[in-house]
Amino acid sequence: CQKSGSIESYVINWHTDIFLESPMTGESEPQEPDGG
């Protein structure tokens, strides 16, 4: 799991951890230009 400075990313993070490879999210590691 990757920690990001975004609530949405955080929610999707733990969500993906529970569902494991969710159909909603393509990749568990979203490539964002903003690094914090």
C-alpha atoms as a PDB file:
ATOM      1  CA  CYS A   1       0.000   0.000   0.000  1.00  0.00           C
ATOM      2  CA  GLN A   2       1.219   3.491  -0.842  1.00  0.00           C
ATOM      3  CA  LYS A   3       0.599   6.490   1.386  1.00  0.00           C
ATOM      4  CA  SER A   4      -0.600   9.586  -0.413  1.00  0.00           C
ATOM      5  CA  GLY A   5      -1.620  13.084   0.651  1.00  0.00           C
ATOM      6  CA  SER A   6      -5.080  12.527  -0.785  1.00  0.00           C
ATOM      7  CA  ILE A   7      -8.154  11.240   0.997  1.00  0.00           C
ATOM      8  CA  GLU A   8      -9.466   9.578  -2.146  1.00  0.00           C
ATOM      9  CA  SER A   9      -6.204   7.731  -2.653  1.00  0.00           C
ATOM     10  CA  TYR A  10      -6.223   6.655   0.992  1.00  0.00           C
ATOM     11  CA  VAL A  11      -9.782   5.372   0.807  1.00  0.00           C
ATOM     12  CA  ILE A  12      -9.031   3.456  -2.385  1.00  0.00           C
ATOM     13  CA  ASN A  13      -5.881   2.088  -0.740  1.00  0.00           C
ATOM     14  CA  TRP A  14      -7.622   0.332   2.144  1.00  0.00           C
ATOM     15  CA  HIS A  15     -10.533  -0.511  -0.133  1.00  0.00           C
ATOM     16  CA  THR A  16      -8.233  -2.295  -2.568  1.00  0.00           C
ATOM     17  CA  ASP A  17      -6.582  -4.089   0.345  1.00  0.00           C
ATOM     18  CA  ILE A  18      -9.937  -5.540   1.358  1.00  0.00           C
ATOM     19  CA  PHE A  19     -11.267  -6.363  -2.087  1.00  0.00           C
ATOM     20  CA  LEU A  20      -7.848  -7.261  -3.494  1.00  0.00           C
ATOM     21  CA  GLU A  21      -7.621  -6.316  -7.156  1.00  0.00           C
ATOM     22  CA  SER A  22     -10.898  -4.455  -7.339  1.00  0.00           C
ATOM     23  CA  PRO A  23     -12.573  -4.144 -10.742  1.00  0.00           C
ATOM     24  CA  MET A  24     -13.129  -0.430 -10.107  1.00  0.00           C
ATOM     25  CA  THR A  25      -9.412   0.340  -9.773  1.00  0.00           C
ATOM     26  CA  GLY A  26      -7.072  -0.806 -12.540  1.00  0.00           C
ATOM     27  CA  GLU A  27      -3.852  -0.665 -10.555  1.00  0.00           C
ATOM     28  CA  SER A  28      -3.247  -0.633  -6.816  1.00  0.00           C
ATOM     29  CA  GLU A  29      -0.413   1.840  -7.381  1.00  0.00           C
ATOM     30  CA  PRO A  30      -1.751   4.941  -9.142  1.00  0.00           C
ATOM     31  CA  GLN A  31       0.962   6.931 -10.902  1.00  0.00           C
ATOM     32  CA  GLU A  32       0.505  10.528  -9.789  1.00  0.00           C
ATOM     33  CA  PRO A  33       2.805  13.445 -10.703  1.00  0.00           C
ATOM     34  CA  ASP A  34       2.286  14.954  -7.261  1.00  0.00           C
ATOM     35  CA  GLY A  35       4.543  13.298  -4.690  1.00  0.00           C
ATOM     36  CA  GLY A  36       4.034  14.120  -1.073  1.00  0.00           C
END
